[in-house]
Amino acid sequence: MTSGDRAIWLWPWLSVIALGLVNLFVNATSNIIDDSRGGGTPDIGGAFTLEATSYVLWVALAPLIGLGIRRVPPRNGAWVRFALFHAGMTILISLIHVGGMALLRTMVFSLLGRRYGFFDDGVLMPLLYEWRKDVISYAIIAAVFWAFERFGGTSQPASSDPSRIAIRDGSTAVFLPPAAIFLVESAGNYVQFQTADRVHLVRGTLAAWEAHLSEHGFVRVHRSRLVNRAHIAALKPRASGDLDITLDDGRVIMGSRRYREGLITSP
C-alpha cells in the first residue's frame, strides 16, 4: 500500500473498529441480560471475553478483506469471478477467525482458571456454524471498504457539466472532455491522465477514479491502468492470456488477462 492510499484504508478500518465496538457491547450485554432473565448468575467477564476475542480477530482481518475487495471489486461482466473469489475468501477468513478466536479464548479462560472447549463436540459443525455468521461479517466489512474507495477516493473539483471530467492538476483545476483522454495510469501516490499532448498528474487512487470514469467509457485493463474504449484500435492476445492493446495514436500497451473478460464484454 502506498502512502497516497492510507487515508482510504484508514477511515474504513476505523469505521470497522467503531462498528465492531458497538456490536461487541450489544452482544455481550444481551447475553448478560438473557442469563439474568433465565434465573442464572450473569457471567459478565465471560460474556465480554467471548465477544472481545472475536472483535480483535475481525479488526485484524479487516485490512485483508479490504485488500480482497480492492483486487476483485463488483464489476459488470465479471460477476462469476467476483462471486467465486469472495466465496473462497469467506472460507479462508472464517478459518483464521475461528481458529484465532478459539486460541485466544482458551488462553484467556486458562488465565482465569477456567476451561474453554470450543471443539469438544467436534470440528466440522462448529466451523460450519461460525462460517454462516462470518459470511455476514465479511460482507459488511467488504462493503465498508468498497464504499470508502468508491465514493471517497478522488480529489476532483466539482463540475456540473457531464461532458467534461474535472481534475485538479497541482493547484490548477482542469476540465477535460472524455474523448481527449487516452489512458489513466496509477503512479505511486498519484494518477496520470494521458492526453495526446501532455500528462496530467492528479493525487488519488486508480480504484476511486475507475468508479467515476466507468460511465465515460473507461475500462480497467490492468491493475494499474484504465483505457478509454473509444481509443482502442486493436486487441492482440498473447500466448500467456494477456493482451497487446493498440490505441488509435499508435501506442501499444499491455492488458492483463485478469481483466480480459471485462474488456471484451464491456459495452
C-alpha atoms as a PDB file:
ATOM      1  CA  MET A   1       0.000   0.000   0.000  1.00  0.00           C
ATOM      2  CA  THR A   2       1.343   3.429  -0.942  1.00  0.00           C
ATOM      3  CA  SER A   3       1.163   6.453   1.337  1.00  0.00           C
ATOM      4  CA  GLY A   4      -1.356   8.010  -1.014  1.00  0.00           C
ATOM      5  CA  ASP A   5      -3.778   5.173  -0.245  1.00  0.00           C
ATOM      6  CA  ARG A   6      -3.501   5.376   3.543  1.00  0.00           C
ATOM      7  CA  ALA A   7      -6.462   7.664   4.092  1.00  0.00           C
ATOM      8  CA  ILE A   8      -8.713   5.416   2.019  1.00  0.00           C
ATOM      9  CA  TRP A   9      -7.606   2.434   4.105  1.00  0.00           C
ATOM     10  CA  LEU A  10      -7.559   4.199   7.480  1.00  0.00           C
ATOM     11  CA  TRP A  11     -11.117   5.523   7.514  1.00  0.00           C
ATOM     12  CA  PRO A  12     -12.887   2.261   6.637  1.00  0.00           C
ATOM     13  CA  TRP A  13     -10.702   0.438   9.152  1.00  0.00           C
ATOM     14  CA  LEU A  14     -11.608   2.962  11.861  1.00  0.00           C
ATOM     15  CA  SER A  15     -15.251   2.537  10.872  1.00  0.00           C
ATOM     16  CA  VAL A  16     -14.937  -1.227  11.297  1.00  0.00           C
ATOM     17  CA  ILE A  17     -13.364  -0.662  14.719  1.00  0.00           C
ATOM     18  CA  ALA A  18     -16.229   1.616  15.781  1.00  0.00           C
ATOM     19  CA  LEU A  19     -18.982  -0.629  14.416  1.00  0.00           C
ATOM     20  CA  GLY A  20     -17.326  -3.647  15.995  1.00  0.00           C
ATOM     21  CA  LEU A  21     -17.223  -1.986  19.408  1.00  0.00           C
ATOM     22  CA  VAL A  22     -20.942  -1.290  19.204  1.00  0.00           C
ATOM     23  CA  ASN A  23     -21.602  -4.894  18.169  1.00  0.00           C
ATOM     24  CA  LEU A  24     -19.361  -6.175  20.980  1.00  0.00           C
ATOM     25  CA  PHE A  25     -21.242  -4.176  23.614  1.00  0.00           C
ATOM     26  CA  VAL A  26     -24.703  -5.099  22.306  1.00  0.00           C
ATOM     27  CA  ASN A  27     -23.956  -8.823  22.039  1.00  0.00           C
ATOM     28  CA  ALA A  28     -22.206  -9.066  25.401  1.00  0.00           C
ATOM     29  CA  THR A  29     -24.893  -7.158  27.300  1.00  0.00           C
ATOM     30  CA  SER A  30     -27.631  -9.135  25.525  1.00  0.00           C
ATOM     31  CA  ASN A  31     -26.070 -12.381  26.749  1.00  0.00           C
ATOM     32  CA  ILE A  32     -25.797 -10.969  30.261  1.00  0.00           C
ATOM     33  CA  ILE A  33     -29.449  -9.863  30.241  1.00  0.00           C
ATOM     34  CA  ASP A  34     -30.594 -13.239  28.894  1.00  0.00           C
ATOM     35  CA  ASP A  35     -28.735 -15.019  31.704  1.00  0.00           C
ATOM     36  CA  SER A  36     -30.372 -12.750  34.280  1.00  0.00           C
ATOM     37  CA  ARG A  37     -33.846 -13.343  32.877  1.00  0.00           C
ATOM     38  CA  GLY A  38     -33.265 -17.087  32.913  1.00  0.00           C
ATOM     39  CA  GLY A  39     -32.594 -17.003  36.632  1.00  0.00           C
ATOM     40  CA  GLY A  40     -28.895 -17.731  36.317  1.00  0.00           C
ATOM     41  CA  THR A  41     -25.927 -15.736  37.532  1.00  0.00           C
ATOM     42  CA  PRO A  42     -24.698 -13.432  34.769  1.00  0.00           C
ATOM     43  CA  ASP A  43     -21.159 -14.233  33.628  1.00  0.00           C
ATOM     44  CA  ILE A  44     -20.103 -10.677  32.821  1.00  0.00           C
ATOM     45  CA  GLY A  45     -16.420 -11.455  32.353  1.00  0.00           C
ATOM     46  CA  GLY A  46     -17.136 -14.486  30.212  1.00  0.00           C
ATOM     47  CA  ALA A  47     -19.631 -12.636  28.019  1.00  0.00           C
ATOM     48  CA  PHE A  48     -17.239  -9.791  27.271  1.00  0.00           C
ATOM     49  CA  THR A  49     -14.328 -12.201  26.778  1.00  0.00           C
ATOM     50  CA  LEU A  50     -16.254 -14.175  24.158  1.00  0.00           C
ATOM     51  CA  GLU A  51     -17.197 -11.048  22.207  1.00  0.00           C
ATOM     52  CA  ALA A  52     -13.844  -9.266  22.621  1.00  0.00           C
ATOM     53  CA  THR A  53     -11.822 -12.178  21.235  1.00  0.00           C
ATOM     54  CA  SER A  54     -13.996 -12.281  18.124  1.00  0.00           C
ATOM     55  CA  TYR A  55     -13.765  -8.492  17.805  1.00  0.00           C
ATOM     56  CA  VAL A  56      -9.957  -8.468  17.973  1.00  0.00           C
ATOM     57  CA  LEU A  57      -9.744 -11.002  15.147  1.00  0.00           C
ATOM     58  CA  TRP A  58     -12.172  -9.057  12.918  1.00  0.00           C
ATOM     59  CA  VAL A  59     -10.240  -5.832  13.436  1.00  0.00           C
ATOM     60  CA  ALA A  60      -7.004  -7.618  12.495  1.00  0.00           C
ATOM     61  CA  LEU A  61      -8.576  -9.284   9.441  1.00  0.00           C
ATOM     62  CA  ALA A  62     -10.388  -6.185   8.146  1.00  0.00           C
ATOM     63  CA  PRO A  63      -7.427  -4.891   6.041  1.00  0.00           C
ATOM     64  CA  LEU A  64      -7.146  -8.300   4.354  1.00  0.00           C
ATOM     65  CA  ILE A  65     -10.834  -8.141   3.460  1.00  0.00           C
ATOM     66  CA  GLY A  66     -10.299  -4.594   2.200  1.00  0.00           C
ATOM     67  CA  LEU A  67      -7.450  -5.817   0.014  1.00  0.00           C
ATOM     68  CA  GLY A  68      -9.698  -8.539  -1.375  1.00  0.00           C
ATOM     69  CA  ILE A  69     -12.486  -6.147  -2.334  1.00  0.00           C
ATOM     70  CA  ARG A  70      -9.949  -3.777  -3.884  1.00  0.00           C
ATOM     71  CA  ARG A  71      -8.404  -6.525  -6.001  1.00  0.00           C
ATOM     72  CA  VAL A  72     -11.744  -8.016  -7.048  1.00  0.00           C
ATOM     73  CA  PRO A  73     -14.477  -5.375  -6.767  1.00  0.00           C
ATOM     74  CA  PRO A  74     -18.004  -5.790  -8.124  1.00  0.00           C
ATOM     75  CA  ARG A  75     -17.716  -5.107 -11.832  1.00  0.00           C
ATOM     76  CA  ASN A  76     -20.037  -5.592 -14.808  1.00  0.00           C
ATOM     77  CA  GLY A  77     -19.014  -8.579 -16.902  1.00  0.00           C
ATOM     78  CA  ALA A  78     -17.031 -10.268 -14.119  1.00  0.00           C
ATOM     79  CA  TRP A  79     -19.680 -11.330 -11.605  1.00  0.00           C
ATOM     80  CA  VAL A  80     -18.777 -15.016 -11.686  1.00  0.00           C
ATOM     81  CA  ARG A  81     -15.160 -14.262 -10.819  1.00  0.00           C
ATOM     82  CA  PHE A  82     -16.301 -11.819  -8.118  1.00  0.00           C
ATOM     83  CA  ALA A  83     -18.615 -14.395  -6.527  1.00  0.00           C
ATOM     84  CA  LEU A  84     -16.102 -17.256  -6.650  1.00  0.00           C
ATOM     85  CA  PHE A  85     -13.225 -15.166  -5.330  1.00  0.00           C
ATOM     86  CA  HIS A  86     -15.103 -13.768  -2.357  1.00  0.00           C
ATOM     87  CA  ALA A  87     -16.798 -17.092  -1.563  1.00  0.00           C
ATOM     88  CA  GLY A  88     -13.313 -18.547  -1.255  1.00  0.00           C
ATOM     89  CA  MET A  89     -12.189 -15.566   0.802  1.00  0.00           C
ATOM     90  CA  THR A  90     -15.027 -16.088   3.302  1.00  0.00           C
ATOM     91  CA  ILE A  91     -13.819 -19.639   3.904  1.00  0.00           C
ATOM     92  CA  LEU A  92     -10.214 -18.531   4.439  1.00  0.00           C
ATOM     93  CA  ILE A  93     -11.187 -15.598   6.658  1.00  0.00           C
ATOM     94  CA  SER A  94     -13.575 -17.747   8.695  1.00  0.00           C
ATOM     95  CA  LEU A  95     -10.923 -20.414   9.319  1.00  0.00           C
ATOM     96  CA  ILE A  96      -8.482 -17.763  10.550  1.00  0.00           C
ATOM     97  CA  HIS A  97     -11.176 -16.050  12.615  1.00  0.00           C
ATOM     98  CA  VAL A  98     -12.458 -19.215  14.279  1.00  0.00           C
ATOM     99  CA  GLY A  99      -9.018 -20.690  14.875  1.00  0.00           C
ATOM    100  CA  GLY A 100      -7.625 -17.454  16.300  1.00  0.00           C
ATOM    101  CA  MET A 101     -10.748 -16.840  18.352  1.00  0.00           C
ATOM    102  CA  ALA A 102     -10.658 -20.328  19.878  1.00  0.00           C
ATOM    103  CA  LEU A 103      -6.972 -19.928  20.718  1.00  0.00           C
ATOM    104  CA  LEU A 104      -7.446 -16.525  22.364  1.00  0.00           C
ATOM    105  CA  ARG A 105     -10.433 -17.722  24.357  1.00  0.00           C
ATOM    106  CA  THR A 106      -8.570 -20.807  25.537  1.00  0.00           C
ATOM    107  CA  MET A 107      -5.669 -18.641  26.704  1.00  0.00           C
ATOM    108  CA  VAL A 108      -7.847 -16.059  28.474  1.00  0.00           C
ATOM    109  CA  PHE A 109     -10.044 -18.610  30.226  1.00  0.00           C
ATOM    110  CA  SER A 110      -6.949 -20.570  31.241  1.00  0.00           C
ATOM    111  CA  LEU A 111      -5.555 -17.450  32.917  1.00  0.00           C
ATOM    112  CA  LEU A 112      -8.860 -17.114  34.746  1.00  0.00           C
ATOM    113  CA  GLY A 113      -8.604 -20.707  35.926  1.00  0.00           C
ATOM    114  CA  ARG A 114     -11.406 -21.859  33.684  1.00  0.00           C
ATOM    115  CA  ARG A 115     -11.650 -24.265  30.779  1.00  0.00           C
ATOM    116  CA  TYR A 116     -12.870 -23.414  27.276  1.00  0.00           C
ATOM    117  CA  GLY A 117     -13.638 -26.260  24.881  1.00  0.00           C
ATOM    118  CA  PHE A 118     -14.767 -24.834  21.563  1.00  0.00           C
ATOM    119  CA  PHE A 119     -14.245 -28.096  19.691  1.00  0.00           C
ATOM    120  CA  ASP A 120     -15.429 -30.508  22.414  1.00  0.00           C
ATOM    121  CA  ASP A 121     -18.335 -31.667  20.249  1.00  0.00           C
ATOM    122  CA  GLY A 122     -16.329 -31.971  17.040  1.00  0.00           C
ATOM    123  CA  VAL A 123     -14.750 -29.682  14.493  1.00  0.00           C
ATOM    124  CA  LEU A 124     -16.934 -29.628  11.372  1.00  0.00           C
ATOM    125  CA  MET A 125     -20.219 -28.421  12.859  1.00  0.00           C
ATOM    126  CA  PRO A 126     -18.675 -25.550  14.891  1.00  0.00           C
ATOM    127  CA  LEU A 127     -16.761 -24.420  11.806  1.00  0.00           C
ATOM    128  CA  LEU A 128     -19.903 -24.525   9.650  1.00  0.00           C
ATOM    129  CA  TYR A 129     -21.926 -22.729  12.312  1.00  0.00           C
ATOM    130  CA  GLU A 130     -19.381 -19.945  12.626  1.00  0.00           C
ATOM    131  CA  TRP A 131     -18.852 -19.667   8.851  1.00  0.00           C
ATOM    132  CA  ARG A 132     -22.538 -18.829   8.325  1.00  0.00           C
ATOM    133  CA  LYS A 133     -22.182 -15.848  10.654  1.00  0.00           C
ATOM    134  CA  ASP A 134     -18.741 -14.926   9.332  1.00  0.00           C
ATOM    135  CA  VAL A 135     -20.123 -14.574   5.786  1.00  0.00           C
ATOM    136  CA  ILE A 136     -22.341 -11.729   7.019  1.00  0.00           C
ATOM    137  CA  SER A 137     -19.487 -10.037   8.880  1.00  0.00           C
ATOM    138  CA  TYR A 138     -17.244 -10.394   5.824  1.00  0.00           C
ATOM    139  CA  ALA A 139     -19.895  -8.817   3.592  1.00  0.00           C
ATOM    140  CA  ILE A 140     -20.359  -5.860   5.940  1.00  0.00           C
ATOM    141  CA  ILE A 141     -16.626  -5.177   6.232  1.00  0.00           C
ATOM    142  CA  ALA A 142     -16.109  -5.575   2.467  1.00  0.00           C
ATOM    143  CA  ALA A 143     -18.989  -3.166   1.824  1.00  0.00           C
ATOM    144  CA  VAL A 144     -17.449  -0.575   4.162  1.00  0.00           C
ATOM    145  CA  PHE A 145     -14.086  -0.705   2.377  1.00  0.00           C
ATOM    146  CA  TRP A 146     -15.706  -0.688  -1.063  1.00  0.00           C
ATOM    147  CA  ALA A 147     -17.930   2.279  -0.200  1.00  0.00           C
ATOM    148  CA  PHE A 148     -14.999   4.382   1.004  1.00  0.00           C
ATOM    149  CA  GLU A 149     -12.981   3.545  -2.100  1.00  0.00           C
ATOM    150  CA  ARG A 150     -15.967   4.009  -4.407  1.00  0.00           C
ATOM    151  CA  PHE A 151     -17.105   7.357  -3.075  1.00  0.00           C
ATOM    152  CA  GLY A 152     -14.217   8.854  -1.125  1.00  0.00           C
ATOM    153  CA  GLY A 153     -11.025   8.352  -3.085  1.00  0.00           C
ATOM    154  CA  THR A 154     -10.730  11.268  -5.508  1.00  0.00           C
ATOM    155  CA  SER A 155      -9.678  14.847  -5.077  1.00  0.00           C
ATOM    156  CA  GLN A 156     -11.562  16.180  -8.052  1.00  0.00           C
ATOM    157  CA  PRO A 157     -13.154  19.627  -8.312  1.00  0.00           C
ATOM    158  CA  ALA A 158     -16.894  19.754  -8.772  1.00  0.00           C
ATOM    159  CA  SER A 159     -18.250  20.106 -12.266  1.00  0.00           C
ATOM    160  CA  SER A 160     -21.878  20.399 -13.308  1.00  0.00           C
ATOM    161  CA  ASP A 161     -21.000  19.604 -16.934  1.00  0.00           C
ATOM    162  CA  PRO A 162     -21.250  15.816 -17.527  1.00  0.00           C
ATOM    163  CA  SER A 163     -19.456  16.178 -20.872  1.00  0.00           C
ATOM    164  CA  ARG A 164     -16.199  17.097 -19.116  1.00  0.00           C
ATOM    165  CA  ILE A 165     -14.070  15.381 -16.492  1.00  0.00           C
ATOM    166  CA  ALA A 166     -12.854  17.692 -13.754  1.00  0.00           C
ATOM    167  CA  ILE A 167      -9.392  17.025 -12.317  1.00  0.00           C
ATOM    168  CA  ARG A 168      -7.025  19.020 -10.158  1.00  0.00           C
ATOM    169  CA  ASP A 169      -3.502  19.111 -11.571  1.00  0.00           C
ATOM    170  CA  GLY A 170      -1.488  20.653  -8.764  1.00  0.00           C
ATOM    171  CA  SER A 171      -3.260  23.892  -7.849  1.00  0.00           C
ATOM    172  CA  THR A 172      -4.970  24.151 -11.234  1.00  0.00           C
ATOM    173  CA  ALA A 173      -8.482  22.905 -11.973  1.00  0.00           C
ATOM    174  CA  VAL A 174      -8.511  21.265 -15.401  1.00  0.00           C
ATOM    175  CA  PHE A 175     -11.646  20.252 -17.304  1.00  0.00           C
ATOM    176  CA  LEU A 176     -11.117  17.585 -19.962  1.00  0.00           C
ATOM    177  CA  PRO A 177     -13.602  16.090 -22.411  1.00  0.00           C
ATOM    178  CA  PRO A 178     -13.520  12.272 -22.024  1.00  0.00           C
ATOM    179  CA  ALA A 179     -12.550  11.861 -25.689  1.00  0.00           C
ATOM    180  CA  ALA A 180      -9.299  13.750 -25.042  1.00  0.00           C
ATOM    181  CA  ILE A 181      -8.098  11.170 -22.510  1.00  0.00           C
ATOM    182  CA  PHE A 182      -6.396   8.072 -23.893  1.00  0.00           C
ATOM    183  CA  LEU A 183      -5.118   6.407 -20.788  1.00  0.00           C
ATOM    184  CA  VAL A 184      -5.263   6.685 -16.988  1.00  0.00           C
ATOM    185  CA  GLU A 185      -2.471   5.046 -15.002  1.00  0.00           C
ATOM    186  CA  SER A 186      -1.504   4.674 -11.365  1.00  0.00           C
ATOM    187  CA  ALA A 187       1.784   6.371 -10.465  1.00  0.00           C
ATOM    188  CA  GLY A 188       2.589   5.818  -6.797  1.00  0.00           C
ATOM    189  CA  ASN A 189       0.604   8.359  -4.798  1.00  0.00           C
ATOM    190  CA  TYR A 190      -0.861   9.829  -7.981  1.00  0.00           C
ATOM    191  CA  VAL A 191      -2.896   9.030 -11.074  1.00  0.00           C
ATOM    192  CA  GLN A 192      -1.745  10.067 -14.562  1.00  0.00           C
ATOM    193  CA  PHE A 193      -4.266  11.296 -17.121  1.00  0.00           C
ATOM    194  CA  GLN A 194      -2.632  10.943 -20.540  1.00  0.00           C
ATOM    195  CA  THR A 195      -3.906  13.018 -23.439  1.00  0.00           C
ATOM    196  CA  ALA A 196      -2.416  13.415 -26.925  1.00  0.00           C
ATOM    197  CA  ASP A 197      -0.091  16.233 -25.908  1.00  0.00           C
ATOM    198  CA  ARG A 198       0.549  16.011 -22.174  1.00  0.00           C
ATOM    199  CA  VAL A 199       0.166  14.110 -18.910  1.00  0.00           C
ATOM    200  CA  HIS A 200      -1.876  15.466 -16.010  1.00  0.00           C
ATOM    201  CA  LEU A 201      -0.783  14.273 -12.575  1.00  0.00           C
ATOM    202  CA  VAL A 202      -3.589  14.003 -10.006  1.00  0.00           C
ATOM    203  CA  ARG A 203      -3.319  12.903  -6.398  1.00  0.00           C
ATOM    204  CA  GLY A 204      -5.608   9.944  -5.690  1.00  0.00           C
ATOM    205  CA  THR A 205      -6.139   6.246  -6.341  1.00  0.00           C
ATOM    206  CA  LEU A 206      -6.909   4.475  -9.577  1.00  0.00           C
ATOM    207  CA  ALA A 207      -9.730   2.450  -7.988  1.00  0.00           C
ATOM    208  CA  ALA A 208     -11.596   5.586  -6.952  1.00  0.00           C
ATOM    209  CA  TRP A 209     -11.163   7.185 -10.378  1.00  0.00           C
ATOM    210  CA  GLU A 210     -12.301   3.955 -12.053  1.00  0.00           C
ATOM    211  CA  ALA A 211     -15.670   4.290 -10.341  1.00  0.00           C
ATOM    212  CA  HIS A 212     -16.006   7.841 -11.683  1.00  0.00           C
ATOM    213  CA  LEU A 213     -14.703   7.167 -15.194  1.00  0.00           C
ATOM    214  CA  SER A 214     -16.580   3.956 -15.988  1.00  0.00           C
ATOM    215  CA  GLU A 215     -19.635   5.974 -17.026  1.00  0.00           C
ATOM    216  CA  HIS A 216     -17.451   7.742 -19.612  1.00  0.00           C
ATOM    217  CA  GLY A 217     -16.378   4.515 -21.328  1.00  0.00           C
ATOM    218  CA  PHE A 218     -13.151   3.803 -19.458  1.00  0.00           C
ATOM    219  CA  VAL A 219     -12.360   0.185 -18.654  1.00  0.00           C
ATOM    220  CA  ARG A 220      -9.689  -1.388 -16.456  1.00  0.00           C
ATOM    221  CA  VAL A 221      -7.188  -3.429 -18.472  1.00  0.00           C
ATOM    222  CA  HIS A 222      -4.500  -3.819 -15.807  1.00  0.00           C
ATOM    223  CA  ARG A 223      -4.310  -3.412 -12.032  1.00  0.00           C
ATOM    224  CA  SER A 224      -2.589  -0.054 -12.615  1.00  0.00           C
ATOM    225  CA  ARG A 225      -4.234   1.079 -15.851  1.00  0.00           C
ATOM    226  CA  LEU A 226      -7.553   2.269 -17.325  1.00  0.00           C
ATOM    227  CA  VAL A 227      -8.118   2.766 -21.056  1.00  0.00           C
ATOM    228  CA  ASN A 228     -10.669   4.837 -22.933  1.00  0.00           C
ATOM    229  CA  ARG A 229     -12.504   2.265 -25.073  1.00  0.00           C
ATOM    230  CA  ALA A 230     -13.078   4.916 -27.735  1.00  0.00           C
ATOM    231  CA  HIS A 231      -9.311   4.987 -28.404  1.00  0.00           C
ATOM    232  CA  ILE A 232      -8.772   1.219 -28.681  1.00  0.00           C
ATOM    233  CA  ALA A 233      -7.847   0.361 -32.282  1.00  0.00           C
ATOM    234  CA  ALA A 234      -6.927  -3.319 -31.907  1.00  0.00           C
ATOM    235  CA  LEU A 235      -6.603  -6.154 -29.398  1.00  0.00           C
ATOM    236  CA  LYS A 236      -3.984  -8.873 -29.875  1.00  0.00           C
ATOM    237  CA  PRO A 237      -3.966 -11.829 -27.440  1.00  0.00           C
ATOM    238  CA  ARG A 238      -0.662 -13.158 -26.154  1.00  0.00           C
ATOM    239  CA  ALA A 239       0.058 -16.828 -25.510  1.00  0.00           C
ATOM    240  CA  SER A 240       0.040 -16.055 -21.774  1.00  0.00           C
ATOM    241  CA  GLY A 241      -3.543 -14.802 -21.957  1.00  0.00           C
ATOM    242  CA  ASP A 242      -2.531 -11.147 -21.638  1.00  0.00           C
ATOM    243  CA  LEU A 243      -3.358  -8.660 -24.393  1.00  0.00           C
ATOM    244  CA  ASP A 244      -1.491  -6.159 -26.515  1.00  0.00           C
ATOM    245  CA  ILE A 245      -3.798  -3.153 -26.800  1.00  0.00           C
ATOM    246  CA  THR A 246      -3.127  -0.796 -29.701  1.00  0.00           C
ATOM    247  CA  LEU A 247      -4.520   2.694 -29.269  1.00  0.00           C
ATOM    248  CA  ASP A 248      -5.513   4.851 -32.223  1.00  0.00           C
ATOM    249  CA  ASP A 249      -2.467   7.086 -31.716  1.00  0.00           C
ATOM    250  CA  GLY A 250      -0.208   4.081 -32.395  1.00  0.00           C
ATOM    251  CA  ARG A 251       0.997   3.297 -28.882  1.00  0.00           C
ATOM    252  CA  VAL A 252       0.738  -0.277 -27.638  1.00  0.00           C
ATOM    253  CA  ILE A 253       0.069  -1.088 -24.004  1.00  0.00           C
ATOM    254  CA  MET A 254      -0.356  -4.355 -22.159  1.00  0.00           C
ATOM    255  CA  GLY A 255      -3.671  -5.581 -20.786  1.00  0.00           C
ATOM    256  CA  SER A 256      -3.745  -8.191 -18.058  1.00  0.00           C
ATOM    257  CA  ARG A 257      -5.547 -11.479 -18.610  1.00  0.00           C
ATOM    258  CA  ARG A 258      -7.264 -10.825 -15.274  1.00  0.00           C
ATOM    259  CA  TYR A 259      -9.299  -8.059 -16.894  1.00  0.00           C
ATOM    260  CA  ARG A 260      -9.613  -9.577 -20.361  1.00  0.00           C
ATOM    261  CA  GLU A 261     -13.200 -10.733 -19.895  1.00  0.00           C
ATOM    262  CA  GLY A 262     -14.376  -7.323 -18.729  1.00  0.00           C
ATOM    263  CA  LEU A 263     -12.583  -5.613 -21.605  1.00  0.00           C
ATOM    264  CA  ILE A 264     -14.132  -7.837 -24.252  1.00  0.00           C
ATOM    265  CA  THR A 265     -17.651  -7.906 -22.804  1.00  0.00           C
ATOM    266  CA  SER A 266     -17.918  -4.275 -21.683  1.00  0.00           C
ATOM    267  CA  PRO A 267     -20.153  -2.163 -23.954  1.00  0.00           C
END
